[in-house]
Amino acid sequence: MGQRALVLGAGGHAATAWELGVIAGMADAGVDVREADLIVGTSAGARVGVQVRSHLTLEELFQRQVDPHLQTKEPAPPVDFTQWRADFVRARQAAGTPRPCSGASVRLPCRRRWVRKTLGAR
């Protein structure tokens, strides 16, 4: 008995819809990929893998992609984008440049200090 794996790729919300559509279409054609021994995915593929192994049917998963009334609404991220943009612009316009650093192990801490100094400690 051979082992079968389903490998799903990344690609955001578009990939989620596309992958679920392909999987539903394959099931309609008699190929049920949910019977795979292993399902592996990256990003959107991981999300689809979890959904495929859930208690929902492929038709229910497909309908969630095409019917706006069945889609879950995600809350807005708790980020003040106005403040974020202002901080970014201020950092770009700040006088001076980061002091030179050498070696991969010191570049990130050096830049971090420069950003903190430029934006001011918070």
N, C-alpha and C. Protein backbone atom coordinates (compact mmCIF):
# COMPACT_ATOMS: atom_id res chain seq x y z
N MET A 1 0.85 -1.18 0.00
CA MET A 1 0.00 0.00 0.00
C MET A 1 0.89 1.24 0.00
N GLY A 2 0.70 2.11 -0.97
CA GLY A 2 1.50 3.32 -1.08
C GLY A 2 0.92 4.44 -0.25
N GLN A 3 1.76 5.37 0.06
CA GLN A 3 1.30 6.55 0.79
C GLN A 3 1.11 7.68 -0.19
N ARG A 4 0.06 8.46 0.05
CA ARG A 4 -0.24 9.60 -0.82
C ARG A 4 -0.24 10.87 0.02
N ALA A 5 0.30 11.91 -0.57
CA ALA A 5 0.34 13.21 0.11
C ALA A 5 -0.29 14.26 -0.80
N LEU A 6 -0.94 15.22 -0.17
CA LEU A 6 -1.46 16.39 -0.86
C LEU A 6 -0.63 17.57 -0.40
N VAL A 7 0.03 18.24 -1.33
CA VAL A 7 0.88 19.38 -1.01
C VAL A 7 0.22 20.63 -1.58
N LEU A 8 -0.05 21.61 -0.71
CA LEU A 8 -0.76 22.83 -1.09
C LEU A 8 0.15 24.03 -0.90
N GLY A 9 0.13 24.94 -1.85
CA GLY A 9 1.02 26.10 -1.82
C GLY A 9 0.39 27.34 -1.25
N ALA A 10 1.21 28.37 -1.19
CA ALA A 10 0.81 29.66 -0.63
C ALA A 10 0.19 30.53 -1.72
N GLY A 11 -0.30 31.71 -1.32
CA GLY A 11 -0.84 32.64 -2.30
C GLY A 11 -1.98 33.50 -1.78
N GLY A 12 -2.14 33.56 -0.48
CA GLY A 12 -3.16 34.44 0.08
C GLY A 12 -4.58 33.94 -0.13
N HIS A 13 -5.52 34.88 -0.03
CA HIS A 13 -6.93 34.53 -0.14
C HIS A 13 -7.28 33.99 -1.52
N ALA A 14 -6.63 34.50 -2.54
CA ALA A 14 -6.90 34.00 -3.89
C ALA A 14 -6.51 32.53 -4.00
N ALA A 15 -5.41 32.15 -3.42
CA ALA A 15 -4.97 30.75 -3.47
C ALA A 15 -5.92 29.87 -2.67
N THR A 16 -6.42 30.37 -1.55
CA THR A 16 -7.38 29.58 -0.76
C THR A 16 -8.59 29.25 -1.61
N ALA A 17 -9.16 30.26 -2.26
CA ALA A 17 -10.34 30.04 -3.10
C ALA A 17 -10.00 29.13 -4.27
N TRP A 18 -8.86 29.36 -4.90
CA TRP A 18 -8.47 28.56 -6.06
C TRP A 18 -8.26 27.11 -5.67
N GLU A 19 -7.51 26.88 -4.60
CA GLU A 19 -7.23 25.50 -4.17
C GLU A 19 -8.50 24.76 -3.78
N LEU A 20 -9.39 25.44 -3.03
CA LEU A 20 -10.64 24.78 -2.66
C LEU A 20 -11.50 24.49 -3.89
N GLY A 21 -11.48 25.39 -4.87
CA GLY A 21 -12.21 25.15 -6.11
C GLY A 21 -11.66 23.95 -6.87
N VAL A 22 -10.35 23.85 -6.96
CA VAL A 22 -9.73 22.72 -7.65
C VAL A 22 -10.03 21.42 -6.91
N ILE A 23 -9.92 21.45 -5.58
CA ILE A 23 -10.18 20.24 -4.79
C ILE A 23 -11.64 19.81 -4.94
N ALA A 24 -12.57 20.77 -4.91
CA ALA A 24 -13.99 20.44 -5.10
C ALA A 24 -14.23 19.90 -6.50
N GLY A 25 -13.59 20.49 -7.50
CA GLY A 25 -13.72 20.01 -8.88
C GLY A 25 -13.17 18.61 -9.04
N MET A 26 -12.05 18.33 -8.39
CA MET A 26 -11.48 16.99 -8.46
C MET A 26 -12.42 15.97 -7.82
N ALA A 27 -13.04 16.35 -6.71
CA ALA A 27 -14.00 15.45 -6.05
C ALA A 27 -15.19 15.20 -6.96
N ASP A 28 -15.65 16.23 -7.65
CA ASP A 28 -16.76 16.06 -8.60
C ASP A 28 -16.39 15.08 -9.71
N ALA A 29 -15.10 15.03 -10.05
CA ALA A 29 -14.62 14.13 -11.10
C ALA A 29 -14.25 12.75 -10.55
N GLY A 30 -14.48 12.53 -9.25
CA GLY A 30 -14.22 11.22 -8.65
C GLY A 30 -12.88 11.07 -7.96
N VAL A 31 -12.13 12.14 -7.82
CA VAL A 31 -10.83 12.09 -7.14
C VAL A 31 -10.96 12.86 -5.82
N ASP A 32 -11.02 12.12 -4.72
CA ASP A 32 -11.18 12.75 -3.41
C ASP A 32 -9.82 12.85 -2.73
N VAL A 33 -9.22 14.02 -2.78
CA VAL A 33 -7.88 14.20 -2.22
C VAL A 33 -7.89 14.19 -0.69
N ARG A 34 -9.08 14.24 -0.09
CA ARG A 34 -9.16 14.17 1.37
C ARG A 34 -8.71 12.81 1.88
N GLU A 35 -8.63 11.83 1.01
CA GLU A 35 -8.18 10.50 1.40
C GLU A 35 -6.66 10.38 1.45
N ALA A 36 -5.96 11.48 1.19
CA ALA A 36 -4.49 11.46 1.24
C ALA A 36 -4.03 11.08 2.64
N ASP A 37 -2.92 10.38 2.71
CA ASP A 37 -2.36 9.99 4.00
C ASP A 37 -1.76 11.17 4.75
N LEU A 38 -1.33 12.17 3.99
CA LEU A 38 -0.68 13.33 4.57
C LEU A 38 -1.09 14.56 3.77
N ILE A 39 -1.44 15.64 4.47
CA ILE A 39 -1.72 16.91 3.81
C ILE A 39 -0.76 17.95 4.39
N VAL A 40 -0.02 18.59 3.49
CA VAL A 40 0.98 19.58 3.87
C VAL A 40 0.68 20.86 3.11
N GLY A 41 0.79 21.99 3.80
CA GLY A 41 0.56 23.26 3.12
C GLY A 41 1.38 24.38 3.71
N THR A 42 1.61 25.39 2.89
CA THR A 42 2.31 26.59 3.31
C THR A 42 1.35 27.76 3.20
N SER A 43 1.22 28.54 4.27
CA SER A 43 0.39 29.74 4.28
C SER A 43 -1.05 29.39 3.90
N ALA A 44 -1.52 29.87 2.76
CA ALA A 44 -2.89 29.57 2.33
C ALA A 44 -3.10 28.06 2.22
N GLY A 45 -2.08 27.35 1.78
CA GLY A 45 -2.18 25.90 1.67
C GLY A 45 -2.39 25.22 3.01
N ALA A 46 -1.77 25.75 4.06
CA ALA A 46 -1.98 25.21 5.40
C ALA A 46 -3.42 25.44 5.83
N ARG A 47 -3.95 26.62 5.52
CA ARG A 47 -5.34 26.94 5.86
C ARG A 47 -6.29 25.99 5.12
N VAL A 48 -6.03 25.76 3.84
CA VAL A 48 -6.87 24.85 3.06
C VAL A 48 -6.74 23.42 3.59
N GLY A 49 -5.54 23.01 3.95
CA GLY A 49 -5.34 21.68 4.51
C GLY A 49 -6.17 21.45 5.76
N VAL A 50 -6.21 22.44 6.64
CA VAL A 50 -7.01 22.33 7.86
C VAL A 50 -8.49 22.26 7.50
N GLN A 51 -8.92 23.09 6.56
CA GLN A 51 -10.33 23.10 6.17
C GLN A 51 -10.73 21.77 5.54
N VAL A 52 -9.85 21.22 4.70
CA VAL A 52 -10.16 19.96 4.03
C VAL A 52 -10.31 18.82 5.04
N ARG A 53 -9.54 18.87 6.13
CA ARG A 53 -9.63 17.83 7.16
C ARG A 53 -10.73 18.13 8.19
N SER A 54 -11.42 19.25 8.06
CA SER A 54 -12.46 19.62 9.03
C SER A 54 -13.71 18.78 8.81
N HIS A 55 -14.72 19.05 9.63
CA HIS A 55 -15.99 18.33 9.54
C HIS A 55 -16.87 18.83 8.39
N LEU A 56 -16.48 19.91 7.74
CA LEU A 56 -17.28 20.46 6.65
C LEU A 56 -17.07 19.68 5.35
N THR A 57 -18.12 19.60 4.55
CA THR A 57 -18.00 18.94 3.25
C THR A 57 -17.27 19.87 2.28
N LEU A 58 -16.78 19.30 1.20
CA LEU A 58 -16.12 20.12 0.19
C LEU A 58 -17.09 21.13 -0.41
N GLU A 59 -18.34 20.74 -0.57
CA GLU A 59 -19.34 21.67 -1.09
C GLU A 59 -19.54 22.86 -0.14
N GLU A 60 -19.57 22.58 1.18
CA GLU A 60 -19.70 23.68 2.15
C GLU A 60 -18.48 24.60 2.10
N LEU A 61 -17.30 24.02 1.99
CA LEU A 61 -16.08 24.84 1.90
C LEU A 61 -16.10 25.68 0.63
N PHE A 62 -16.52 25.08 -0.47
CA PHE A 62 -16.60 25.81 -1.74
C PHE A 62 -17.60 26.95 -1.63
N GLN A 63 -18.76 26.69 -1.07
CA GLN A 63 -19.79 27.73 -0.94
C GLN A 63 -19.32 28.89 -0.08
N ARG A 64 -18.52 28.61 0.92
CA ARG A 64 -17.96 29.69 1.76
C ARG A 64 -17.08 30.63 0.95
N GLN A 65 -16.52 30.14 -0.14
CA GLN A 65 -15.67 30.98 -0.98
C GLN A 65 -16.49 31.82 -1.95
N VAL A 66 -17.63 31.31 -2.39
CA VAL A 66 -18.38 32.01 -3.43
C VAL A 66 -19.59 32.78 -2.91
N ASP A 67 -20.05 32.50 -1.69
CA ASP A 67 -21.23 33.17 -1.14
C ASP A 67 -20.79 34.14 -0.04
N PRO A 68 -20.88 35.44 -0.28
CA PRO A 68 -20.44 36.42 0.73
C PRO A 68 -21.16 36.29 2.07
N HIS A 69 -22.38 35.79 2.07
CA HIS A 69 -23.13 35.66 3.32
C HIS A 69 -22.58 34.55 4.22
N LEU A 70 -21.83 33.63 3.65
CA LEU A 70 -21.25 32.53 4.42
C LEU A 70 -19.82 32.82 4.87
N GLN A 71 -19.26 33.91 4.40
CA GLN A 71 -17.86 34.24 4.71
C GLN A 71 -17.78 34.91 6.08
N THR A 72 -16.75 34.56 6.82
CA THR A 72 -16.54 35.19 8.12
C THR A 72 -15.89 36.55 7.91
N LYS A 73 -16.30 37.49 8.71
CA LYS A 73 -15.74 38.84 8.65
C LYS A 73 -14.60 38.94 9.66
N GLU A 74 -13.45 39.34 9.19
CA GLU A 74 -12.30 39.50 10.07
C GLU A 74 -12.29 40.92 10.62
N PRO A 75 -11.95 41.05 11.90
CA PRO A 75 -11.86 42.41 12.45
C PRO A 75 -10.67 43.16 11.86
N ALA A 76 -10.79 44.46 11.84
CA ALA A 76 -9.69 45.29 11.35
C ALA A 76 -8.49 45.13 12.29
N PRO A 77 -7.29 45.18 11.75
CA PRO A 77 -6.11 45.03 12.61
C PRO A 77 -6.00 46.21 13.57
N PRO A 78 -5.54 45.95 14.79
CA PRO A 78 -5.43 47.02 15.79
C PRO A 78 -4.17 47.86 15.57
N VAL A 79 -4.07 48.46 14.40
CA VAL A 79 -2.90 49.27 14.06
C VAL A 79 -3.37 50.67 13.69
N ASP A 80 -2.71 51.66 14.25
CA ASP A 80 -3.00 53.04 13.88
C ASP A 80 -2.13 53.36 12.66
N PHE A 81 -2.69 53.16 11.46
CA PHE A 81 -1.92 53.33 10.25
C PHE A 81 -1.52 54.79 10.02
N THR A 82 -2.29 55.72 10.53
CA THR A 82 -1.92 57.13 10.40
C THR A 82 -0.64 57.39 11.18
N GLN A 83 -0.58 56.88 12.41
CA GLN A 83 0.64 57.04 13.22
C GLN A 83 1.80 56.26 12.62
N TRP A 84 1.52 55.06 12.13
CA TRP A 84 2.57 54.24 11.52
C TRP A 84 3.19 54.97 10.33
N ARG A 85 2.34 55.55 9.48
CA ARG A 85 2.84 56.28 8.31
C ARG A 85 3.64 57.50 8.74
N ALA A 86 3.14 58.23 9.73
CA ALA A 86 3.86 59.41 10.20
C ALA A 86 5.24 59.02 10.74
N ASP A 87 5.32 57.94 11.49
CA ASP A 87 6.60 57.46 12.01
C ASP A 87 7.54 57.06 10.87
N PHE A 88 6.99 56.40 9.87
CA PHE A 88 7.80 55.98 8.73
C PHE A 88 8.34 57.18 7.98
N VAL A 89 7.49 58.16 7.72
CA VAL A 89 7.92 59.37 7.00
C VAL A 89 8.98 60.10 7.81
N ARG A 90 8.78 60.21 9.12
CA ARG A 90 9.75 60.90 9.97
C ARG A 90 11.10 60.18 9.94
N ALA A 91 11.07 58.85 9.93
CA ALA A 91 12.31 58.09 9.90
C ALA A 91 13.04 58.31 8.57
N ARG A 92 12.29 58.37 7.47
CA ARG A 92 12.90 58.58 6.15
C ARG A 92 13.49 59.97 6.03
N GLN A 93 12.85 60.94 6.65
CA GLN A 93 13.30 62.32 6.50
C GLN A 93 14.33 62.73 7.55
N ALA A 94 14.59 61.85 8.49
CA ALA A 94 15.51 62.19 9.58
C ALA A 94 16.91 62.49 9.04
N ALA A 95 17.54 63.44 9.67
CA ALA A 95 18.91 63.77 9.27
C ALA A 95 19.84 62.64 9.70
N GLY A 96 20.85 62.44 8.93
CA GLY A 96 21.84 61.42 9.27
C GLY A 96 21.49 60.08 8.66
N THR A 97 22.43 59.22 8.78
CA THR A 97 22.27 57.86 8.27
C THR A 97 22.68 56.91 9.37
N PRO A 98 22.30 55.66 9.24
CA PRO A 98 22.73 54.70 10.25
C PRO A 98 24.25 54.60 10.26
N ARG A 99 24.82 54.48 11.42
CA ARG A 99 26.27 54.33 11.46
C ARG A 99 26.65 53.01 10.84
N PRO A 100 27.76 52.99 10.16
CA PRO A 100 28.15 51.76 9.47
C PRO A 100 28.36 50.63 10.45
N CYS A 101 27.93 49.49 10.07
CA CYS A 101 28.12 48.27 10.86
C CYS A 101 28.76 47.24 9.95
N SER A 102 29.44 46.33 10.54
CA SER A 102 30.01 45.25 9.73
C SER A 102 29.65 43.93 10.37
N GLY A 103 29.51 42.94 9.55
CA GLY A 103 29.18 41.61 10.03
C GLY A 103 27.68 41.45 10.21
N ALA A 104 27.18 40.31 9.80
CA ALA A 104 25.74 40.06 9.86
C ALA A 104 25.21 40.10 11.28
N SER A 105 26.02 39.72 12.26
CA SER A 105 25.52 39.63 13.63
C SER A 105 25.29 41.00 14.27
N VAL A 106 25.87 42.07 13.71
CA VAL A 106 25.67 43.39 14.31
C VAL A 106 24.79 44.31 13.46
N ARG A 107 24.49 43.94 12.22
CA ARG A 107 23.70 44.83 11.36
C ARG A 107 22.33 45.12 11.93
N LEU A 108 21.59 44.07 12.31
CA LEU A 108 20.23 44.27 12.80
C LEU A 108 20.21 45.09 14.09
N PRO A 109 21.02 44.76 15.11
CA PRO A 109 21.00 45.61 16.31
C PRO A 109 21.39 47.05 16.02
N CYS A 110 22.34 47.25 15.11
CA CYS A 110 22.76 48.60 14.77
C CYS A 110 21.61 49.37 14.14
N ARG A 111 20.93 48.78 13.19
CA ARG A 111 19.79 49.44 12.55
C ARG A 111 18.68 49.68 13.54
N ARG A 112 18.48 48.74 14.44
CA ARG A 112 17.43 48.89 15.44
C ARG A 112 17.71 50.10 16.32
N ARG A 113 18.96 50.27 16.74
CA ARG A 113 19.33 51.44 17.55
C ARG A 113 19.08 52.72 16.77
N TRP A 114 19.44 52.72 15.46
CA TRP A 114 19.25 53.91 14.64
C TRP A 114 17.78 54.25 14.53
N VAL A 115 16.93 53.24 14.30
CA VAL A 115 15.49 53.48 14.19
C VAL A 115 14.95 54.02 15.51
N ARG A 116 15.34 53.42 16.62
CA ARG A 116 14.87 53.91 17.92
C ARG A 116 15.32 55.35 18.15
N LYS A 117 16.57 55.66 17.82
CA LYS A 117 17.08 57.01 18.01
C LYS A 117 16.32 58.00 17.10
N THR A 118 16.07 57.58 15.86
CA THR A 118 15.41 58.45 14.89
C THR A 118 13.95 58.69 15.28
N LEU A 119 13.27 57.65 15.69
CA LEU A 119 11.85 57.79 16.03
C LEU A 119 11.64 58.25 17.46
N GLY A 120 12.64 58.15 18.28
CA GLY A 120 12.50 58.50 19.68
C GLY A 120 12.01 57.30 20.47
N ALA A 121 12.47 57.16 21.68
CA ALA A 121 12.08 56.05 22.52
C ALA A 121 10.61 56.16 22.87
N ARG A 122 9.94 55.04 22.81
CA ARG A 122 8.51 55.00 23.16
C ARG A 122 8.28 53.99 24.21
